[in-house]
Amino acid sequence: KEIVKMIVDEAKENIDKKADEEKEKAKAERERKEELEEKAESAKEQRKENEKLTEELVEKVSEATTAANDVMKAQQEVKAMLTKMKLIEDDIKGAAVDENL
């Protein structure tokens, strides 16, 4: 009876030990999965931020390009006007100096 009891107790201990090991493995797997989910969520948020910054940069570049085009257009119009009026830039500068006197 004692031998049978010892064998049964030993079997119970082995079963309990294996069950505990399985619980630990499952817990570790859950923690790893949660960590991966957190990393994925963080990556999504970072991607959204990057997309927003990219859109802002594209908008700023577009605005800068438009402003540069406006300046170039104004310069071309001034040159065309000077040509039409048969003036040179020095004539315009001289007129500005005369106006100040």
PDB file of N, CA and C in Angstrom:
ATOM      1  N   LYS A   1       0.824  -1.192   0.000  1.00  0.00           N
ATOM      2  CA  LYS A   1       0.000   0.000   0.000  1.00  0.00           C
ATOM      3  C   LYS A   1       0.868   1.257   0.000  1.00  0.00           C
ATOM      4  N   GLU A   2       1.938   1.231   0.756  1.00  0.00           N
ATOM      5  CA  GLU A   2       2.815   2.389   0.833  1.00  0.00           C
ATOM      6  C   GLU A   2       3.481   2.667  -0.511  1.00  0.00           C
ATOM      7  N   ILE A   3       3.883   1.589  -1.175  1.00  0.00           N
ATOM      8  CA  ILE A   3       4.538   1.742  -2.474  1.00  0.00           C
ATOM      9  C   ILE A   3       3.554   2.329  -3.488  1.00  0.00           C
ATOM     10  N   VAL A   4       2.334   1.822  -3.485  1.00  0.00           N
ATOM     11  CA  VAL A   4       1.310   2.330  -4.397  1.00  0.00           C
ATOM     12  C   VAL A   4       1.034   3.793  -4.085  1.00  0.00           C
ATOM     13  N   LYS A   5       0.939   4.121  -2.787  1.00  0.00           N
ATOM     14  CA  LYS A   5       0.691   5.494  -2.377  1.00  0.00           C
ATOM     15  C   LYS A   5       1.838   6.386  -2.837  1.00  0.00           C
ATOM     16  N   MET A   6       3.096   5.941  -2.698  1.00  0.00           N
ATOM     17  CA  MET A   6       4.254   6.712  -3.127  1.00  0.00           C
ATOM     18  C   MET A   6       4.222   6.926  -4.643  1.00  0.00           C
ATOM     19  N   ILE A   7       3.873   5.907  -5.374  1.00  0.00           N
ATOM     20  CA  ILE A   7       3.811   6.016  -6.837  1.00  0.00           C
ATOM     21  C   ILE A   7       2.708   7.003  -7.249  1.00  0.00           C
ATOM     22  N   VAL A   8       1.560   6.903  -6.583  1.00  0.00           N
ATOM     23  CA  VAL A   8       0.446   7.802  -6.887  1.00  0.00           C
ATOM     24  C   VAL A   8       0.839   9.239  -6.550  1.00  0.00           C
ATOM     25  N   ASP A   9       1.466   9.453  -5.396  1.00  0.00           N
ATOM     26  CA  ASP A   9       1.901  10.794  -4.999  1.00  0.00           C
ATOM     27  C   ASP A   9       2.927  11.351  -5.996  1.00  0.00           C
ATOM     28  N   GLU A  10       3.846  10.506  -6.401  1.00  0.00           N
ATOM     29  CA  GLU A  10       4.873  10.921  -7.357  1.00  0.00           C
ATOM     30  C   GLU A  10       4.227  11.275  -8.705  1.00  0.00           C
ATOM     31  N   ALA A  11       3.243  10.502  -9.118  1.00  0.00           N
ATOM     32  CA  ALA A  11       2.531  10.770 -10.369  1.00  0.00           C
ATOM     33  C   ALA A  11       1.788  12.099 -10.274  1.00  0.00           C
ATOM     34  N   LYS A  12       1.137  12.348  -9.106  1.00  0.00           N
ATOM     35  CA  LYS A  12       0.438  13.617  -8.895  1.00  0.00           C
ATOM     36  C   LYS A  12       1.406  14.795  -8.971  1.00  0.00           C
ATOM     37  N   GLU A  13       2.580  14.638  -8.337  1.00  0.00           N
ATOM     38  CA  GLU A  13       3.588  15.699  -8.360  1.00  0.00           C
ATOM     39  C   GLU A  13       4.053  15.973  -9.789  1.00  0.00           C
ATOM     40  N   ASN A  14       4.270  14.907 -10.546  1.00  0.00           N
ATOM     41  CA  ASN A  14       4.698  15.075 -11.941  1.00  0.00           C
ATOM     42  C   ASN A  14       3.628  15.792 -12.768  1.00  0.00           C
ATOM     43  N   ILE A  15       2.377  15.385 -12.554  1.00  0.00           N
ATOM     44  CA  ILE A  15       1.266  16.013 -13.282  1.00  0.00           C
ATOM     45  C   ILE A  15       1.152  17.484 -12.901  1.00  0.00           C
ATOM     46  N   ASP A  16       1.251  17.761 -11.575  1.00  0.00           N
ATOM     47  CA  ASP A  16       1.181  19.145 -11.107  1.00  0.00           C
ATOM     48  C   ASP A  16       2.343  19.969 -11.667  1.00  0.00           C
ATOM     49  N   LYS A  17       3.525  19.366 -11.687  1.00  0.00           N
ATOM     50  CA  LYS A  17       4.711  20.050 -12.192  1.00  0.00           C
ATOM     51  C   LYS A  17       4.549  20.383 -13.684  1.00  0.00           C
ATOM     52  N   LYS A  18       4.064  19.411 -14.452  1.00  0.00           N
ATOM     53  CA  LYS A  18       3.853  19.633 -15.885  1.00  0.00           C
ATOM     54  C   LYS A  18       2.773  20.694 -16.115  1.00  0.00           C
ATOM     55  N   ALA A  19       1.721  20.650 -15.295  1.00  0.00           N
ATOM     56  CA  ALA A  19       0.648  21.641 -15.414  1.00  0.00           C
ATOM     57  C   ALA A  19       1.184  23.037 -15.118  1.00  0.00           C
ATOM     58  N   ASP A  20       2.014  23.151 -14.083  1.00  0.00           N
ATOM     59  CA  ASP A  20       2.619  24.441 -13.746  1.00  0.00           C
ATOM     60  C   ASP A  20       3.514  24.934 -14.877  1.00  0.00           C
ATOM     61  N   GLU A  21       4.286  24.027 -15.471  1.00  0.00           N
ATOM     62  CA  GLU A  21       5.156  24.406 -16.587  1.00  0.00           C
ATOM     63  C   GLU A  21       4.332  24.904 -17.770  1.00  0.00           C
ATOM     64  N   GLU A  22       3.224  24.221 -18.029  1.00  0.00           N
ATOM     65  CA  GLU A  22       2.356  24.633 -19.136  1.00  0.00           C
ATOM     66  C   GLU A  22       1.736  26.000 -18.862  1.00  0.00           C
ATOM     67  N   LYS A  23       1.344  26.222 -17.592  1.00  0.00           N
ATOM     68  CA  LYS A  23       0.783  27.518 -17.226  1.00  0.00           C
ATOM     69  C   LYS A  23       1.823  28.618 -17.426  1.00  0.00           C
ATOM     70  N   GLU A  24       3.059  28.358 -17.017  1.00  0.00           N
ATOM     71  CA  GLU A  24       4.144  29.334 -17.182  1.00  0.00           C
ATOM     72  C   GLU A  24       4.393  29.629 -18.667  1.00  0.00           C
ATOM     73  N   LYS A  25       4.396  28.572 -19.486  1.00  0.00           N
ATOM     74  CA  LYS A  25       4.597  28.758 -20.923  1.00  0.00           C
ATOM     75  C   LYS A  25       3.464  29.595 -21.517  1.00  0.00           C
ATOM     76  N   ALA A  26       2.238  29.287 -21.116  1.00  0.00           N
ATOM     77  CA  ALA A  26       1.077  30.022 -21.625  1.00  0.00           C
ATOM     78  C   ALA A  26       1.145  31.487 -21.204  1.00  0.00           C
ATOM     79  N   LYS A  27       1.534  31.707 -19.950  1.00  0.00           N
ATOM     80  CA  LYS A  27       1.655  33.077 -19.446  1.00  0.00           C
ATOM     81  C   LYS A  27       2.728  33.833 -20.218  1.00  0.00           C
ATOM     82  N   ALA A  28       3.878  33.204 -20.435  1.00  0.00           N
ATOM     83  CA  ALA A  28       4.960  33.833 -21.191  1.00  0.00           C
ATOM     84  C   ALA A  28       4.514  34.136 -22.622  1.00  0.00           C
ATOM     85  N   GLU A  29       3.782  33.225 -23.215  1.00  0.00           N
ATOM     86  CA  GLU A  29       3.285  33.417 -24.584  1.00  0.00           C
ATOM     87  C   GLU A  29       2.302  34.582 -24.639  1.00  0.00           C
ATOM     88  N   ARG A  30       1.413  34.687 -23.640  1.00  0.00           N
ATOM     89  CA  ARG A  30       0.459  35.802 -23.577  1.00  0.00           C
ATOM     90  C   ARG A  30       1.193  37.131 -23.450  1.00  0.00           C
ATOM     91  N   GLU A  31       2.195  37.161 -22.585  1.00  0.00           N
ATOM     92  CA  GLU A  31       2.959  38.389 -22.380  1.00  0.00           C
ATOM     93  C   GLU A  31       3.679  38.788 -23.673  1.00  0.00           C
ATOM     94  N   ARG A  32       4.239  37.800 -24.364  1.00  0.00           N
ATOM     95  CA  ARG A  32       4.945  38.079 -25.617  1.00  0.00           C
ATOM     96  C   ARG A  32       3.961  38.613 -26.664  1.00  0.00           C
ATOM     97  N   LYS A  33       2.776  38.003 -26.709  1.00  0.00           N
ATOM     98  CA  LYS A  33       1.756  38.428 -27.660  1.00  0.00           C
ATOM     99  C   LYS A  33       1.300  39.859 -27.359  1.00  0.00           C
ATOM    100  N   GLU A  34       1.087  40.169 -26.086  1.00  0.00           N
ATOM    101  CA  GLU A  34       0.690  41.519 -25.688  1.00  0.00           C
ATOM    102  C   GLU A  34       1.766  42.529 -26.066  1.00  0.00           C
ATOM    103  N   GLU A  35       3.021  42.150 -25.848  1.00  0.00           N
ATOM    104  CA  GLU A  35       4.133  43.027 -26.194  1.00  0.00           C
ATOM    105  C   GLU A  35       4.163  43.284 -27.704  1.00  0.00           C
ATOM    106  N   LEU A  36       3.947  42.253 -28.496  1.00  0.00           N
ATOM    107  CA  LEU A  36       3.917  42.409 -29.954  1.00  0.00           C
ATOM    108  C   LEU A  36       2.764  43.306 -30.383  1.00  0.00           C
ATOM    109  N   GLU A  37       1.616  43.147 -29.735  1.00  0.00           N
ATOM    110  CA  GLU A  37       0.462  43.987 -30.053  1.00  0.00           C
ATOM    111  C   GLU A  37       0.751  45.452 -29.728  1.00  0.00           C
ATOM    112  N   GLU A  38       1.416  45.694 -28.597  1.00  0.00           N
ATOM    113  CA  GLU A  38       1.770  47.054 -28.212  1.00  0.00           C
ATOM    114  C   GLU A  38       2.743  47.659 -29.232  1.00  0.00           C
ATOM    115  N   LYS A  39       3.710  46.850 -29.664  1.00  0.00           N
ATOM    116  CA  LYS A  39       4.668  47.330 -30.657  1.00  0.00           C
ATOM    117  C   LYS A  39       3.963  47.637 -31.974  1.00  0.00           C
ATOM    118  N   ALA A  40       3.025  46.795 -32.362  1.00  0.00           N
ATOM    119  CA  ALA A  40       2.280  47.014 -33.602  1.00  0.00           C
ATOM    120  C   ALA A  40       1.465  48.301 -33.509  1.00  0.00           C
ATOM    121  N   GLU A  41       0.836  48.521 -32.375  1.00  0.00           N
ATOM    122  CA  GLU A  41       0.046  49.740 -32.176  1.00  0.00           C
ATOM    123  C   GLU A  41       0.945  50.967 -32.220  1.00  0.00           C
ATOM    124  N   SER A  42       2.092  50.869 -31.582  1.00  0.00           N
ATOM    125  CA  SER A  42       3.052  51.972 -31.595  1.00  0.00           C
ATOM    126  C   SER A  42       3.519  52.256 -33.015  1.00  0.00           C
ATOM    127  N   ALA A  43       3.765  51.212 -33.788  1.00  0.00           N
ATOM    128  CA  ALA A  43       4.201  51.377 -35.181  1.00  0.00           C
ATOM    129  C   ALA A  43       3.106  52.053 -36.008  1.00  0.00           C
ATOM    130  N   LYS A  44       1.850  51.683 -35.758  1.00  0.00           N
ATOM    131  CA  LYS A  44       0.735  52.316 -36.475  1.00  0.00           C
ATOM    132  C   LYS A  44       0.674  53.805 -36.161  1.00  0.00           C
ATOM    133  N   GLU A  45       0.813  54.138 -34.889  1.00  0.00           N
ATOM    134  CA  GLU A  45       0.769  55.543 -34.483  1.00  0.00           C
ATOM    135  C   GLU A  45       1.925  56.313 -35.115  1.00  0.00           C
ATOM    136  N   GLN A  46       3.105  55.711 -35.119  1.00  0.00           N
ATOM    137  CA  GLN A  46       4.280  56.357 -35.717  1.00  0.00           C
ATOM    138  C   GLN A  46       4.057  56.570 -37.214  1.00  0.00           C
ATOM    139  N   ARG A  47       3.479  55.561 -37.882  1.00  0.00           N
ATOM    140  CA  ARG A  47       3.211  55.686 -39.315  1.00  0.00           C
ATOM    141  C   ARG A  47       2.227  56.826 -39.578  1.00  0.00           C
ATOM    142  N   LYS A  48       1.188  56.934 -38.734  1.00  0.00           N
ATOM    143  CA  LYS A  48       0.220  58.023 -38.898  1.00  0.00           C
ATOM    144  C   LYS A  48       0.893  59.381 -38.727  1.00  0.00           C
ATOM    145  N   GLU A  49       1.778  59.491 -37.725  1.00  0.00           N
ATOM    146  CA  GLU A  49       2.507  60.737 -37.506  1.00  0.00           C
ATOM    147  C   GLU A  49       3.374  61.065 -38.711  1.00  0.00           C
ATOM    148  N   ASN A  50       4.061  60.041 -39.236  1.00  0.00           N
ATOM    149  CA  ASN A  50       4.926  60.246 -40.397  1.00  0.00           C
ATOM    150  C   ASN A  50       4.119  60.689 -41.617  1.00  0.00           C
ATOM    151  N   GLU A  51       2.948  60.089 -41.803  1.00  0.00           N
ATOM    152  CA  GLU A  51       2.094  60.486 -42.919  1.00  0.00           C
ATOM    153  C   GLU A  51       1.641  61.933 -42.768  1.00  0.00           C
ATOM    154  N   LYS A  52       1.298  62.313 -41.545  1.00  0.00           N
ATOM    155  CA  LYS A  52       0.863  63.685 -41.293  1.00  0.00           C
ATOM    156  C   LYS A  52       2.003  64.661 -41.576  1.00  0.00           C
ATOM    157  N   LEU A  53       3.207  64.338 -41.103  1.00  0.00           N
ATOM    158  CA  LEU A  53       4.360  65.203 -41.356  1.00  0.00           C
ATOM    159  C   LEU A  53       4.669  65.287 -42.847  1.00  0.00           C
ATOM    160  N   THR A  54       4.546  64.177 -43.535  1.00  0.00           N
ATOM    161  CA  THR A  54       4.797  64.172 -44.975  1.00  0.00           C
ATOM    162  C   THR A  54       3.807  65.070 -45.696  1.00  0.00           C
ATOM    163  N   GLU A  55       2.546  64.979 -45.316  1.00  0.00           N
ATOM    164  CA  GLU A  55       1.526  65.838 -45.921  1.00  0.00           C
ATOM    165  C   GLU A  55       1.838  67.308 -45.661  1.00  0.00           C
ATOM    166  N   GLU A  56       2.245  67.628 -44.441  1.00  0.00           N
ATOM    167  CA  GLU A  56       2.586  69.010 -44.103  1.00  0.00           C
ATOM    168  C   GLU A  56       3.782  69.483 -44.934  1.00  0.00           C
ATOM    169  N   LEU A  57       4.788  68.616 -45.078  1.00  0.00           N
ATOM    170  CA  LEU A  57       5.953  68.990 -45.875  1.00  0.00           C
ATOM    171  C   LEU A  57       5.580  69.225 -47.336  1.00  0.00           C
ATOM    172  N   VAL A  58       4.749  68.356 -47.874  1.00  0.00           N
ATOM    173  CA  VAL A  58       4.318  68.519 -49.262  1.00  0.00           C
ATOM    174  C   VAL A  58       3.574  69.842 -49.420  1.00  0.00           C
ATOM    175  N   GLU A  59       2.730  70.159 -48.460  1.00  0.00           N
ATOM    176  CA  GLU A  59       1.976  71.408 -48.503  1.00  0.00           C
ATOM    177  C   GLU A  59       2.914  72.610 -48.449  1.00  0.00           C
ATOM    178  N   LYS A  60       3.907  72.563 -47.560  1.00  0.00           N
ATOM    179  CA  LYS A  60       4.866  73.671 -47.430  1.00  0.00           C
ATOM    180  C   LYS A  60       5.693  73.826 -48.702  1.00  0.00           C
ATOM    181  N   VAL A  61       6.129  72.716 -49.280  1.00  0.00           N
ATOM    182  CA  VAL A  61       6.907  72.775 -50.520  1.00  0.00           C
ATOM    183  C   VAL A  61       6.052  73.362 -51.636  1.00  0.00           C
ATOM    184  N   SER A  62       4.794  72.960 -51.679  1.00  0.00           N
ATOM    185  CA  SER A  62       3.878  73.482 -52.686  1.00  0.00           C
ATOM    186  C   SER A  62       3.708  74.993 -52.520  1.00  0.00           C
ATOM    187  N   GLU A  63       3.544  75.434 -51.281  1.00  0.00           N
ATOM    188  CA  GLU A  63       3.401  76.866 -51.013  1.00  0.00           C
ATOM    189  C   GLU A  63       4.667  77.617 -51.411  1.00  0.00           C
ATOM    190  N   ALA A  64       5.824  77.056 -51.069  1.00  0.00           N
ATOM    191  CA  ALA A  64       7.094  77.700 -51.405  1.00  0.00           C
ATOM    192  C   ALA A  64       7.270  77.767 -52.923  1.00  0.00           C
ATOM    193  N   THR A  65       6.896  76.711 -53.607  1.00  0.00           N
ATOM    194  CA  THR A  65       7.008  76.692 -55.066  1.00  0.00           C
ATOM    195  C   THR A  65       6.089  77.741 -55.673  1.00  0.00           C
ATOM    196  N   THR A  66       4.879  77.831 -55.155  1.00  0.00           N
ATOM    197  CA  THR A  66       3.930  78.830 -55.644  1.00  0.00           C
ATOM    198  C   THR A  66       4.475  80.231 -55.420  1.00  0.00           C
ATOM    199  N   ALA A  67       5.031  80.477 -54.235  1.00  0.00           N
ATOM    200  CA  ALA A  67       5.601  81.795 -53.932  1.00  0.00           C
ATOM    201  C   ALA A  67       6.769  82.100 -54.866  1.00  0.00           C
ATOM    202  N   ALA A  68       7.629  81.127 -55.102  1.00  0.00           N
ATOM    203  CA  ALA A  68       8.769  81.327 -56.000  1.00  0.00           C
ATOM    204  C   ALA A  68       8.284  81.606 -57.410  1.00  0.00           C
ATOM    205  N   ASN A  69       7.258  80.897 -57.841  1.00  0.00           N
ATOM    206  CA  ASN A  69       6.693  81.136 -59.175  1.00  0.00           C
ATOM    207  C   ASN A  69       6.098  82.536 -59.280  1.00  0.00           C
ATOM    208  N   ASP A  70       5.442  82.989 -58.204  1.00  0.00           N
ATOM    209  CA  ASP A  70       4.866  84.336 -58.191  1.00  0.00           C
ATOM    210  C   ASP A  70       5.960  85.393 -58.300  1.00  0.00           C
ATOM    211  N   VAL A  71       7.056  85.200 -57.594  1.00  0.00           N
ATOM    212  CA  VAL A  71       8.179  86.142 -57.640  1.00  0.00           C
ATOM    213  C   VAL A  71       8.772  86.173 -59.045  1.00  0.00           C
ATOM    214  N   MET A  72       8.965  84.986 -59.632  1.00  0.00           N
ATOM    215  CA  MET A  72       9.529  84.922 -60.981  1.00  0.00           C
ATOM    216  C   MET A  72       8.592  85.607 -61.982  1.00  0.00           C
ATOM    217  N   LYS A  73       7.305  85.389 -61.823  1.00  0.00           N
ATOM    218  CA  LYS A  73       6.324  86.008 -62.716  1.00  0.00           C
ATOM    219  C   LYS A  73       6.369  87.524 -62.581  1.00  0.00           C
ATOM    220  N   ALA A  74       6.462  88.009 -61.341  1.00  0.00           N
ATOM    221  CA  ALA A  74       6.532  89.455 -61.119  1.00  0.00           C
ATOM    222  C   ALA A  74       7.808  90.031 -61.745  1.00  0.00           C
ATOM    223  N   GLN A  75       8.925  89.331 -61.595  1.00  0.00           N
ATOM    224  CA  GLN A  75      10.179  89.795 -62.198  1.00  0.00           C
ATOM    225  C   GLN A  75      10.056  89.844 -63.720  1.00  0.00           C
ATOM    226  N   GLN A  76       9.438  88.834 -64.285  1.00  0.00           N
ATOM    227  CA  GLN A  76       9.259  88.812 -65.737  1.00  0.00           C
ATOM    228  C   GLN A  76       8.357  89.958 -66.191  1.00  0.00           C
ATOM    229  N   GLU A  77       7.320  90.244 -65.425  1.00  0.00           N
ATOM    230  CA  GLU A  77       6.426  91.348 -65.777  1.00  0.00           C
ATOM    231  C   GLU A  77       7.158  92.684 -65.696  1.00  0.00           C
ATOM    232  N   VAL A  78       7.989  92.854 -64.682  1.00  0.00           N
ATOM    233  CA  VAL A  78       8.755  94.100 -64.547  1.00  0.00           C
ATOM    234  C   VAL A  78       9.718  94.240 -65.722  1.00  0.00           C
ATOM    235  N   LYS A  79      10.411  93.171 -66.068  1.00  0.00           N
ATOM    236  CA  LYS A  79      11.339  93.223 -67.197  1.00  0.00           C
ATOM    237  C   LYS A  79      10.589  93.531 -68.497  1.00  0.00           C
ATOM    238  N   ALA A  80       9.418  92.906 -68.661  1.00  0.00           N
ATOM    239  CA  ALA A  80       8.621  93.168 -69.861  1.00  0.00           C
ATOM    240  C   ALA A  80       8.194  94.628 -69.908  1.00  0.00           C
ATOM    241  N   MET A  81       7.818  95.179 -68.772  1.00  0.00           N
ATOM    242  CA  MET A  81       7.409  96.571 -68.694  1.00  0.00           C
ATOM    243  C   MET A  81       8.586  97.493 -69.025  1.00  0.00           C
ATOM    244  N   LEU A  82       9.755  97.159 -68.480  1.00  0.00           N
ATOM    245  CA  LEU A  82      10.950  97.960 -68.761  1.00  0.00           C
ATOM    246  C   LEU A  82      11.273  97.930 -70.252  1.00  0.00           C
ATOM    247  N   THR A  83      11.175  96.765 -70.830  1.00  0.00           N
ATOM    248  CA  THR A  83      11.450  96.617 -72.258  1.00  0.00           C
ATOM    249  C   THR A  83      10.438  97.424 -73.068  1.00  0.00           C
ATOM    250  N   LYS A  84       9.178  97.324 -72.685  1.00  0.00           N
ATOM    251  CA  LYS A  84       8.115  98.038 -73.382  1.00  0.00           C
ATOM    252  C   LYS A  84       8.325  99.540 -73.288  1.00  0.00           C
ATOM    253  N   MET A  85       8.769  99.991 -72.125  1.00  0.00           N
ATOM    254  CA  MET A  85       8.979 101.419 -71.909  1.00  0.00           C
ATOM    255  C   MET A  85      10.369 101.863 -72.379  1.00  0.00           C
ATOM    256  N   LYS A  86      11.166 100.934 -72.839  1.00  0.00           N
ATOM    257  CA  LYS A  86      12.520 101.196 -73.321  1.00  0.00           C
ATOM    258  C   LYS A  86      13.367 101.843 -72.242  1.00  0.00           C
ATOM    259  N   LEU A  87      13.258 101.290 -71.038  1.00  0.00           N
ATOM    260  CA  LEU A  87      14.057 101.757 -69.906  1.00  0.00           C
ATOM    261  C   LEU A  87      15.027 100.658 -69.515  1.00  0.00           C
ATOM    262  N   ILE A  88      16.065 101.049 -68.828  1.00  0.00           N
ATOM    263  CA  ILE A  88      16.981 100.071 -68.269  1.00  0.00           C
ATOM    264  C   ILE A  88      16.903 100.191 -66.761  1.00  0.00           C
ATOM    265  N   GLU A  89      17.447  99.200 -66.063  1.00  0.00           N
ATOM    266  CA  GLU A  89      17.344  99.186 -64.598  1.00  0.00           C
ATOM    267  C   GLU A  89      17.976 100.425 -63.979  1.00  0.00           C
ATOM    268  N   ASP A  90      19.062 100.949 -64.576  1.00  0.00           N
ATOM    269  CA  ASP A  90      19.714 102.133 -64.022  1.00  0.00           C
ATOM    270  C   ASP A  90      18.806 103.349 -64.089  1.00  0.00           C
ATOM    271  N   ASP A  91      17.958 103.440 -65.123  1.00  0.00           N
ATOM    272  CA  ASP A  91      16.999 104.539 -65.207  1.00  0.00           C
ATOM    273  C   ASP A  91      16.027 104.484 -64.038  1.00  0.00           C
ATOM    274  N   ILE A  92      15.576 103.302 -63.705  1.00  0.00           N
ATOM    275  CA  ILE A  92      14.642 103.125 -62.586  1.00  0.00           C
ATOM    276  C   ILE A  92      15.325 103.489 -61.271  1.00  0.00           C
ATOM    277  N   LYS A  93      16.561 103.060 -61.116  1.00  0.00           N
ATOM    278  CA  LYS A  93      17.312 103.374 -59.882  1.00  0.00           C
ATOM    279  C   LYS A  93      17.528 104.881 -59.769  1.00  0.00           C
ATOM    280  N   GLY A  94      17.844 105.508 -60.877  1.00  0.00           N
ATOM    281  CA  GLY A  94      18.041 106.963 -60.876  1.00  0.00           C
ATOM    282  C   GLY A  94      16.771 107.691 -60.520  1.00  0.00           C
ATOM    283  N   ALA A  95      15.645 107.220 -61.021  1.00  0.00           N
ATOM    284  CA  ALA A  95      14.360 107.831 -60.715  1.00  0.00           C
ATOM    285  C   ALA A  95      14.065 107.704 -59.223  1.00  0.00           C
ATOM    286  N   ALA A  96      14.436 106.591 -58.643  1.00  0.00           N
ATOM    287  CA  ALA A  96      14.208 106.403 -57.209  1.00  0.00           C
ATOM    288  C   ALA A  96      15.077 107.363 -56.409  1.00  0.00           C
ATOM    289  N   VAL A  97      16.327 107.591 -56.855  1.00  0.00           N
ATOM    290  CA  VAL A  97      17.218 108.528 -56.145  1.00  0.00           C
ATOM    291  C   VAL A  97      16.678 109.942 -56.277  1.00  0.00           C
ATOM    292  N   ASP A  98      16.254 110.309 -57.479  1.00  0.00           N
ATOM    293  CA  ASP A  98      15.695 111.639 -57.697  1.00  0.00           C
ATOM    294  C   ASP A  98      14.479 111.882 -56.818  1.00  0.00           C
ATOM    295  N   GLU A  99      13.662 110.867 -56.652  1.00  0.00           N
ATOM    296  CA  GLU A  99      12.457 110.979 -55.846  1.00  0.00           C
ATOM    297  C   GLU A  99      12.809 111.248 -54.396  1.00  0.00           C
ATOM    298  N   ASN A 100      13.889 110.664 -53.910  1.00  0.00           N
ATOM    299  CA  ASN A 100      14.310 110.851 -52.524  1.00  0.00           C
ATOM    300  C   ASN A 100      14.867 112.245 -52.274  1.00  0.00           C
ATOM    301  N   LEU A 101      15.402 112.910 -53.300  1.00  0.00           N
ATOM    302  CA  LEU A 101      15.975 114.249 -53.122  1.00  0.00           C
ATOM    303  C   LEU A 101      14.856 115.213 -53.003  1.00  0.00           C
TER     304      LEU A 101
END
